Amino acid sequence: MVLPFVKLALRRPHLIPALMGMAWAFRARGWMRRPPFLPLPPKDYMRWRMDTAYGDADAVPPDDELERFVRWAHAMRRDM
């Protein structure tokens, strides 16, 4: 599930700060104690998110929808 975000960052480099903020917000607890030692979201959580959003745990959001969500999430964190 990380690949769509990497592709978005390569296509729209100006979104990298928003993507980094989102990655930090969704990170797994204790990520620094388990390999690969990256602040990634738990796979079960991401599967649940995709299932509730698209009705399929293995769904991959369309690029335009992913970009809208990243922008929205960044605006929400900024305005808090």
PDB file of N, CA and C in Angstrom:
ATOM      1  N   MET A   1       0.821  -1.202   0.000  1.00  0.00           N
ATOM      2  CA  MET A   1       0.000   0.000   0.000  1.00  0.00           C
ATOM      3  C   MET A   1       0.861   1.259   0.000  1.00  0.00           C
ATOM      4  N   VAL A   2       2.152   1.137   0.139  1.00  0.00           N
ATOM      5  CA  VAL A   2       3.047   2.292   0.159  1.00  0.00           C
ATOM      6  C   VAL A   2       3.314   2.798  -1.259  1.00  0.00           C
ATOM      7  N   LEU A   3       3.290   1.905  -2.232  1.00  0.00           N
ATOM      8  CA  LEU A   3       3.631   2.270  -3.607  1.00  0.00           C
ATOM      9  C   LEU A   3       2.782   3.413  -4.178  1.00  0.00           C
ATOM     10  N   PRO A   4       1.458   3.437  -3.983  1.00  0.00           N
ATOM     11  CA  PRO A   4       0.687   4.577  -4.516  1.00  0.00           C
ATOM     12  C   PRO A   4       1.141   5.923  -3.948  1.00  0.00           C
ATOM     13  N   PHE A   5       1.571   5.941  -2.699  1.00  0.00           N
ATOM     14  CA  PHE A   5       2.034   7.189  -2.086  1.00  0.00           C
ATOM     15  C   PHE A   5       3.390   7.603  -2.656  1.00  0.00           C
ATOM     16  N   VAL A   6       4.248   6.632  -2.928  1.00  0.00           N
ATOM     17  CA  VAL A   6       5.552   6.919  -3.536  1.00  0.00           C
ATOM     18  C   VAL A   6       5.345   7.475  -4.943  1.00  0.00           C
ATOM     19  N   LYS A   7       4.451   6.854  -5.692  1.00  0.00           N
ATOM     20  CA  LYS A   7       4.166   7.344  -7.044  1.00  0.00           C
ATOM     21  C   LYS A   7       3.604   8.761  -6.998  1.00  0.00           C
ATOM     22  N   LEU A   8       2.741   9.038  -6.021  1.00  0.00           N
ATOM     23  CA  LEU A   8       2.189  10.384  -5.878  1.00  0.00           C
ATOM     24  C   LEU A   8       3.298  11.390  -5.561  1.00  0.00           C
ATOM     25  N   ALA A   9       4.229  11.015  -4.702  1.00  0.00           N
ATOM     26  CA  ALA A   9       5.337  11.905  -4.346  1.00  0.00           C
ATOM     27  C   ALA A   9       6.226  12.186  -5.556  1.00  0.00           C
ATOM     28  N   LEU A  10       6.424  11.187  -6.408  1.00  0.00           N
ATOM     29  CA  LEU A  10       7.248  11.388  -7.599  1.00  0.00           C
ATOM     30  C   LEU A  10       6.543  12.274  -8.625  1.00  0.00           C
ATOM     31  N   ARG A  11       5.237  12.129  -8.748  1.00  0.00           N
ATOM     32  CA  ARG A  11       4.472  12.936  -9.694  1.00  0.00           C
ATOM     33  C   ARG A  11       4.245  14.357  -9.195  1.00  0.00           C
ATOM     34  N   ARG A  12       4.068  14.504  -7.882  1.00  0.00           N
ATOM     35  CA  ARG A  12       3.754  15.804  -7.288  1.00  0.00           C
ATOM     36  C   ARG A  12       4.681  16.067  -6.095  1.00  0.00           C
ATOM     37  N   PRO A  13       5.949  16.419  -6.364  1.00  0.00           N
ATOM     38  CA  PRO A  13       6.917  16.620  -5.266  1.00  0.00           C
ATOM     39  C   PRO A  13       6.478  17.649  -4.228  1.00  0.00           C
ATOM     40  N   HIS A  14       5.639  18.615  -4.620  1.00  0.00           N
ATOM     41  CA  HIS A  14       5.197  19.622  -3.650  1.00  0.00           C
ATOM     42  C   HIS A  14       4.308  19.015  -2.566  1.00  0.00           C
ATOM     43  N   LEU A  15       3.816  17.794  -2.773  1.00  0.00           N
ATOM     44  CA  LEU A  15       2.985  17.125  -1.757  1.00  0.00           C
ATOM     45  C   LEU A  15       3.812  16.319  -0.743  1.00  0.00           C
ATOM     46  N   ILE A  16       5.111  16.275  -0.912  1.00  0.00           N
ATOM     47  CA  ILE A  16       5.947  15.470  -0.009  1.00  0.00           C
ATOM     48  C   ILE A  16       5.769  15.877   1.459  1.00  0.00           C
ATOM     49  N   PRO A  17       5.753  17.167   1.816  1.00  0.00           N
ATOM     50  CA  PRO A  17       5.517  17.504   3.230  1.00  0.00           C
ATOM     51  C   PRO A  17       4.168  16.979   3.741  1.00  0.00           C
ATOM     52  N   ALA A  18       3.130  17.071   2.925  1.00  0.00           N
ATOM     53  CA  ALA A  18       1.812  16.562   3.330  1.00  0.00           C
ATOM     54  C   ALA A  18       1.855  15.043   3.469  1.00  0.00           C
ATOM     55  N   LEU A  19       2.548  14.372   2.565  1.00  0.00           N
ATOM     56  CA  LEU A  19       2.682  12.907   2.641  1.00  0.00           C
ATOM     57  C   LEU A  19       3.465  12.488   3.886  1.00  0.00           C
ATOM     58  N   MET A  20       4.493  13.230   4.222  1.00  0.00           N
ATOM     59  CA  MET A  20       5.276  12.915   5.421  1.00  0.00           C
ATOM     60  C   MET A  20       4.427  13.105   6.680  1.00  0.00           C
ATOM     61  N   GLY A  21       3.635  14.162   6.719  1.00  0.00           N
ATOM     62  CA  GLY A  21       2.750  14.386   7.857  1.00  0.00           C
ATOM     63  C   GLY A  21       1.716  13.285   7.987  1.00  0.00           C
ATOM     64  N   MET A  22       1.193  12.838   6.858  1.00  0.00           N
ATOM     65  CA  MET A  22       0.205  11.769   6.890  1.00  0.00           C
ATOM     66  C   MET A  22       0.851  10.460   7.344  1.00  0.00           C
ATOM     67  N   ALA A  23       2.058  10.182   6.855  1.00  0.00           N
ATOM     68  CA  ALA A  23       2.763   8.969   7.273  1.00  0.00           C
ATOM     69  C   ALA A  23       2.980   8.984   8.797  1.00  0.00           C
ATOM     70  N   TRP A  24       3.329  10.139   9.316  1.00  0.00           N
ATOM     71  CA  TRP A  24       3.552  10.245  10.758  1.00  0.00           C
ATOM     72  C   TRP A  24       2.251  10.047  11.536  1.00  0.00           C
ATOM     73  N   ALA A  25       1.161  10.589  11.024  1.00  0.00           N
ATOM     74  CA  ALA A  25      -0.134  10.461  11.698  1.00  0.00           C
ATOM     75  C   ALA A  25      -0.639   9.020  11.697  1.00  0.00           C
ATOM     76  N   PHE A  26      -0.322   8.254  10.662  1.00  0.00           N
ATOM     77  CA  PHE A  26      -0.812   6.885  10.535  1.00  0.00           C
ATOM     78  C   PHE A  26       0.181   5.832  11.027  1.00  0.00           C
ATOM     79  N   ARG A  27       1.309   6.227  11.574  1.00  0.00           N
ATOM     80  CA  ARG A  27       2.352   5.274  11.954  1.00  0.00           C
ATOM     81  C   ARG A  27       1.867   4.283  13.011  1.00  0.00           C
ATOM     82  N   ALA A  28       2.471   3.109  12.988  1.00  0.00           N
ATOM     83  CA  ALA A  28       2.152   2.079  13.982  1.00  0.00           C
ATOM     84  C   ALA A  28       2.847   2.419  15.301  1.00  0.00           C
ATOM     85  N   ARG A  29       2.207   2.066  16.382  1.00  0.00           N
ATOM     86  CA  ARG A  29       2.854   2.255  17.685  1.00  0.00           C
ATOM     87  C   ARG A  29       4.062   1.337  17.784  1.00  0.00           C
ATOM     88  N   GLY A  30       5.102   1.826  18.375  1.00  0.00           N
ATOM     89  CA  GLY A  30       6.306   1.026  18.575  1.00  0.00           C
ATOM     90  C   GLY A  30       7.052   0.719  17.286  1.00  0.00           C
ATOM     91  N   TRP A  31       6.859   1.518  16.241  1.00  0.00           N
ATOM     92  CA  TRP A  31       7.482   1.239  14.948  1.00  0.00           C
ATOM     93  C   TRP A  31       9.003   1.211  15.041  1.00  0.00           C
ATOM     94  N   MET A  32       9.575   1.963  16.000  1.00  0.00           N
ATOM     95  CA  MET A  32      11.034   2.031  16.101  1.00  0.00           C
ATOM     96  C   MET A  32      11.649   0.772  16.723  1.00  0.00           C
ATOM     97  N   ARG A  33      10.806  -0.125  17.238  1.00  0.00           N
ATOM     98  CA  ARG A  33      11.311  -1.354  17.854  1.00  0.00           C
ATOM     99  C   ARG A  33      11.193  -2.581  16.949  1.00  0.00           C
ATOM    100  N   ARG A  34      10.587  -2.390  15.743  1.00  0.00           N
ATOM    101  CA  ARG A  34      10.376  -3.535  14.843  1.00  0.00           C
ATOM    102  C   ARG A  34      10.902  -3.215  13.442  1.00  0.00           C
ATOM    103  N   PRO A  35      11.597  -4.188  12.842  1.00  0.00           N
ATOM    104  CA  PRO A  35      12.031  -3.976  11.453  1.00  0.00           C
ATOM    105  C   PRO A  35      10.812  -3.779  10.577  1.00  0.00           C
ATOM    106  N   PRO A  36      10.853  -2.976   9.601  1.00  0.00           N
ATOM    107  CA  PRO A  36      12.000  -2.292   8.986  1.00  0.00           C
ATOM    108  C   PRO A  36      12.330  -0.940   9.622  1.00  0.00           C
ATOM    109  N   PHE A  37      11.856  -0.661  10.834  1.00  0.00           N
ATOM    110  CA  PHE A  37      12.164   0.556  11.577  1.00  0.00           C
ATOM    111  C   PHE A  37      11.739   1.820  10.823  1.00  0.00           C
ATOM    112  N   LEU A  38      10.579   1.749  10.190  1.00  0.00           N
ATOM    113  CA  LEU A  38       9.996   2.884   9.478  1.00  0.00           C
ATOM    114  C   LEU A  38       8.611   3.172  10.049  1.00  0.00           C
ATOM    115  N   PRO A  39       8.233   4.436  10.102  1.00  0.00           N
ATOM    116  CA  PRO A  39       6.906   4.782  10.656  1.00  0.00           C
ATOM    117  C   PRO A  39       5.778   4.498   9.657  1.00  0.00           C
ATOM    118  N   LEU A  40       5.538   3.218   9.383  1.00  0.00           N
ATOM    119  CA  LEU A  40       4.497   2.807   8.443  1.00  0.00           C
ATOM    120  C   LEU A  40       3.229   2.425   9.195  1.00  0.00           C
ATOM    121  N   PRO A  41       2.077   2.569   8.551  1.00  0.00           N
ATOM    122  CA  PRO A  41       0.824   2.160   9.212  1.00  0.00           C
ATOM    123  C   PRO A  41       0.724   0.640   9.268  1.00  0.00           C
ATOM    124  N   PRO A  42       0.033   0.104  10.264  1.00  0.00           N
ATOM    125  CA  PRO A  42      -0.149  -1.352  10.339  1.00  0.00           C
ATOM    126  C   PRO A  42      -0.921  -1.861   9.113  1.00  0.00           C
ATOM    127  N   LYS A  43      -0.507  -2.999   8.584  1.00  0.00           N
ATOM    128  CA  LYS A  43      -1.170  -3.567   7.400  1.00  0.00           C
ATOM    129  C   LYS A  43      -2.639  -3.868   7.674  1.00  0.00           C
ATOM    130  N   ASP A  44      -2.945  -4.396   8.854  1.00  0.00           N
ATOM    131  CA  ASP A  44      -4.344  -4.694   9.184  1.00  0.00           C
ATOM    132  C   ASP A  44      -5.199  -3.427   9.169  1.00  0.00           C
ATOM    133  N   TYR A  45      -4.637  -2.336   9.668  1.00  0.00           N
ATOM    134  CA  TYR A  45      -5.367  -1.068   9.688  1.00  0.00           C
ATOM    135  C   TYR A  45      -5.637  -0.578   8.266  1.00  0.00           C
ATOM    136  N   MET A  46      -4.627  -0.640   7.411  1.00  0.00           N
ATOM    137  CA  MET A  46      -4.799  -0.184   6.034  1.00  0.00           C
ATOM    138  C   MET A  46      -5.796  -1.065   5.282  1.00  0.00           C
ATOM    139  N   ARG A  47      -5.772  -2.362   5.547  1.00  0.00           N
ATOM    140  CA  ARG A  47      -6.746  -3.255   4.909  1.00  0.00           C
ATOM    141  C   ARG A  47      -8.165  -2.898   5.371  1.00  0.00           C
ATOM    142  N   TRP A  48      -8.325  -2.604   6.662  1.00  0.00           N
ATOM    143  CA  TRP A  48      -9.627  -2.200   7.192  1.00  0.00           C
ATOM    144  C   TRP A  48     -10.088  -0.886   6.547  1.00  0.00           C
ATOM    145  N   ARG A  49      -9.163   0.075   6.409  1.00  0.00           N
ATOM    146  CA  ARG A  49      -9.505   1.357   5.792  1.00  0.00           C
ATOM    147  C   ARG A  49      -9.992   1.168   4.361  1.00  0.00           C
ATOM    148  N   MET A  50      -9.295   0.322   3.594  1.00  0.00           N
ATOM    149  CA  MET A  50      -9.682   0.073   2.201  1.00  0.00           C
ATOM    150  C   MET A  50     -11.014  -0.676   2.135  1.00  0.00           C
ATOM    151  N   ASP A  51     -11.225  -1.591   3.075  1.00  0.00           N
ATOM    152  CA  ASP A  51     -12.474  -2.348   3.094  1.00  0.00           C
ATOM    153  C   ASP A  51     -13.654  -1.435   3.397  1.00  0.00           C
ATOM    154  N   THR A  52     -13.485  -0.530   4.357  1.00  0.00           N
ATOM    155  CA  THR A  52     -14.587   0.369   4.698  1.00  0.00           C
ATOM    156  C   THR A  52     -14.814   1.421   3.616  1.00  0.00           C
ATOM    157  N   ALA A  53     -13.760   1.813   2.910  1.00  0.00           N
ATOM    158  CA  ALA A  53     -13.901   2.845   1.881  1.00  0.00           C
ATOM    159  C   ALA A  53     -14.372   2.278   0.542  1.00  0.00           C
ATOM    160  N   TYR A  54     -13.879   1.096   0.180  1.00  0.00           N
ATOM    161  CA  TYR A  54     -14.130   0.570  -1.161  1.00  0.00           C
ATOM    162  C   TYR A  54     -14.811  -0.789  -1.176  1.00  0.00           C
ATOM    163  N   GLY A  55     -15.029  -1.384  -0.015  1.00  0.00           N
ATOM    164  CA  GLY A  55     -15.667  -2.693   0.027  1.00  0.00           C
ATOM    165  C   GLY A  55     -14.737  -3.825  -0.345  1.00  0.00           C
ATOM    166  N   ASP A  56     -13.448  -3.547  -0.426  1.00  0.00           N
ATOM    167  CA  ASP A  56     -12.440  -4.553  -0.781  1.00  0.00           C
ATOM    168  C   ASP A  56     -11.161  -4.209  -0.043  1.00  0.00           C
ATOM    169  N   ALA A  57     -10.711  -5.112   0.807  1.00  0.00           N
ATOM    170  CA  ALA A  57      -9.515  -4.859   1.606  1.00  0.00           C
ATOM    171  C   ALA A  57      -8.264  -4.703   0.749  1.00  0.00           C
ATOM    172  N   ASP A  58      -8.279  -5.232  -0.459  1.00  0.00           N
ATOM    173  CA  ASP A  58      -7.109  -5.147  -1.346  1.00  0.00           C
ATOM    174  C   ASP A  58      -7.229  -4.025  -2.377  1.00  0.00           C
ATOM    175  N   ALA A  59      -8.200  -3.157  -2.215  1.00  0.00           N
ATOM    176  CA  ALA A  59      -8.400  -2.058  -3.168  1.00  0.00           C
ATOM    177  C   ALA A  59      -7.233  -1.081  -3.109  1.00  0.00           C
ATOM    178  N   VAL A  60      -6.984  -0.446  -4.234  1.00  0.00           N
ATOM    179  CA  VAL A  60      -5.989   0.623  -4.316  1.00  0.00           C
ATOM    180  C   VAL A  60      -6.739   1.863  -4.791  1.00  0.00           C
ATOM    181  N   PRO A  61      -6.706   2.928  -4.001  1.00  0.00           N
ATOM    182  CA  PRO A  61      -7.476   4.123  -4.374  1.00  0.00           C
ATOM    183  C   PRO A  61      -6.966   4.725  -5.687  1.00  0.00           C
ATOM    184  N   PRO A  62      -7.864   5.291  -6.477  1.00  0.00           N
ATOM    185  CA  PRO A  62      -7.439   5.981  -7.704  1.00  0.00           C
ATOM    186  C   PRO A  62      -6.516   7.154  -7.359  1.00  0.00           C
ATOM    187  N   ASP A  63      -5.628   7.475  -8.274  1.00  0.00           N
ATOM    188  CA  ASP A  63      -4.637   8.522  -8.025  1.00  0.00           C
ATOM    189  C   ASP A  63      -5.255   9.855  -7.636  1.00  0.00           C
ATOM    190  N   ASP A  64      -6.307  10.271  -8.334  1.00  0.00           N
ATOM    191  CA  ASP A  64      -6.899  11.575  -8.028  1.00  0.00           C
ATOM    192  C   ASP A  64      -7.549  11.580  -6.644  1.00  0.00           C
ATOM    193  N   GLU A  65      -8.132  10.459  -6.255  1.00  0.00           N
ATOM    194  CA  GLU A  65      -8.755  10.360  -4.934  1.00  0.00           C
ATOM    195  C   GLU A  65      -7.696  10.376  -3.830  1.00  0.00           C
ATOM    196  N   LEU A  66      -6.592   9.696  -4.071  1.00  0.00           N
ATOM    197  CA  LEU A  66      -5.496   9.669  -3.107  1.00  0.00           C
ATOM    198  C   LEU A  66      -4.928  11.077  -2.912  1.00  0.00           C
ATOM    199  N   GLU A  67      -4.750  11.783  -4.004  1.00  0.00           N
ATOM    200  CA  GLU A  67      -4.231  13.152  -3.907  1.00  0.00           C
ATOM    201  C   GLU A  67      -5.200  14.057  -3.140  1.00  0.00           C
ATOM    202  N   ARG A  68      -6.500  13.943  -3.421  1.00  0.00           N
ATOM    203  CA  ARG A  68      -7.494  14.743  -2.685  1.00  0.00           C
ATOM    204  C   ARG A  68      -7.456  14.444  -1.195  1.00  0.00           C
ATOM    205  N   PHE A  69      -7.324  13.150  -0.841  1.00  0.00           N
ATOM    206  CA  PHE A  69      -7.283  12.789   0.573  1.00  0.00           C
ATOM    207  C   PHE A  69      -6.039  13.361   1.247  1.00  0.00           C
ATOM    208  N   VAL A  70      -4.892  13.269   0.580  1.00  0.00           N
ATOM    209  CA  VAL A  70      -3.646  13.793   1.157  1.00  0.00           C
ATOM    210  C   VAL A  70      -3.775  15.301   1.393  1.00  0.00           C
ATOM    211  N   ARG A  71      -4.319  16.008   0.421  1.00  0.00           N
ATOM    212  CA  ARG A  71      -4.500  17.462   0.583  1.00  0.00           C
ATOM    213  C   ARG A  71      -5.479  17.776   1.713  1.00  0.00           C
ATOM    214  N   TRP A  72      -6.582  17.035   1.771  1.00  0.00           N
ATOM    215  CA  TRP A  72      -7.581  17.243   2.822  1.00  0.00           C
ATOM    216  C   TRP A  72      -6.987  16.966   4.201  1.00  0.00           C
ATOM    217  N   ALA A  73      -6.288  15.829   4.345  1.00  0.00           N
ATOM    218  CA  ALA A  73      -5.706  15.465   5.636  1.00  0.00           C
ATOM    219  C   ALA A  73      -4.677  16.510   6.079  1.00  0.00           C
ATOM    220  N   HIS A  74      -3.896  17.005   5.135  1.00  0.00           N
ATOM    221  CA  HIS A  74      -2.903  18.037   5.460  1.00  0.00           C
ATOM    222  C   HIS A  74      -3.606  19.316   5.943  1.00  0.00           C
ATOM    223  N   ALA A  75      -4.658  19.713   5.269  1.00  0.00           N
ATOM    224  CA  ALA A  75      -5.403  20.914   5.673  1.00  0.00           C
ATOM    225  C   ALA A  75      -6.023  20.726   7.066  1.00  0.00           C
ATOM    226  N   MET A  76      -6.542  19.547   7.353  1.00  0.00           N
ATOM    227  CA  MET A  76      -7.139  19.289   8.666  1.00  0.00           C
ATOM    228  C   MET A  76      -6.085  19.361   9.767  1.00  0.00           C
ATOM    229  N   ARG A  77      -4.918  18.753   9.526  1.00  0.00           N
ATOM    230  CA  ARG A  77      -3.854  18.807  10.549  1.00  0.00           C
ATOM    231  C   ARG A  77      -3.352  20.234  10.731  1.00  0.00           C
ATOM    232  N   ARG A  78      -3.245  20.981   9.637  1.00  0.00           N
ATOM    233  CA  ARG A  78      -2.765  22.380   9.698  1.00  0.00           C
ATOM    234  C   ARG A  78      -3.734  23.253  10.482  1.00  0.00           C
ATOM    235  N   ASP A  79      -5.027  23.027  10.303  1.00  0.00           N
ATOM    236  CA  ASP A  79      -6.039  23.888  10.935  1.00  0.00           C
ATOM    237  C   ASP A  79      -6.386  23.485  12.368  1.00  0.00           C
ATOM    238  N   MET A  80      -5.829  22.425  12.842  1.00  0.00           N
ATOM    239  CA  MET A  80      -6.152  21.984  14.220  1.00  0.00           C
ATOM    240  C   MET A  80      -5.480  22.871  15.234  1.00  0.00           C
TER     241      MET A  80
END
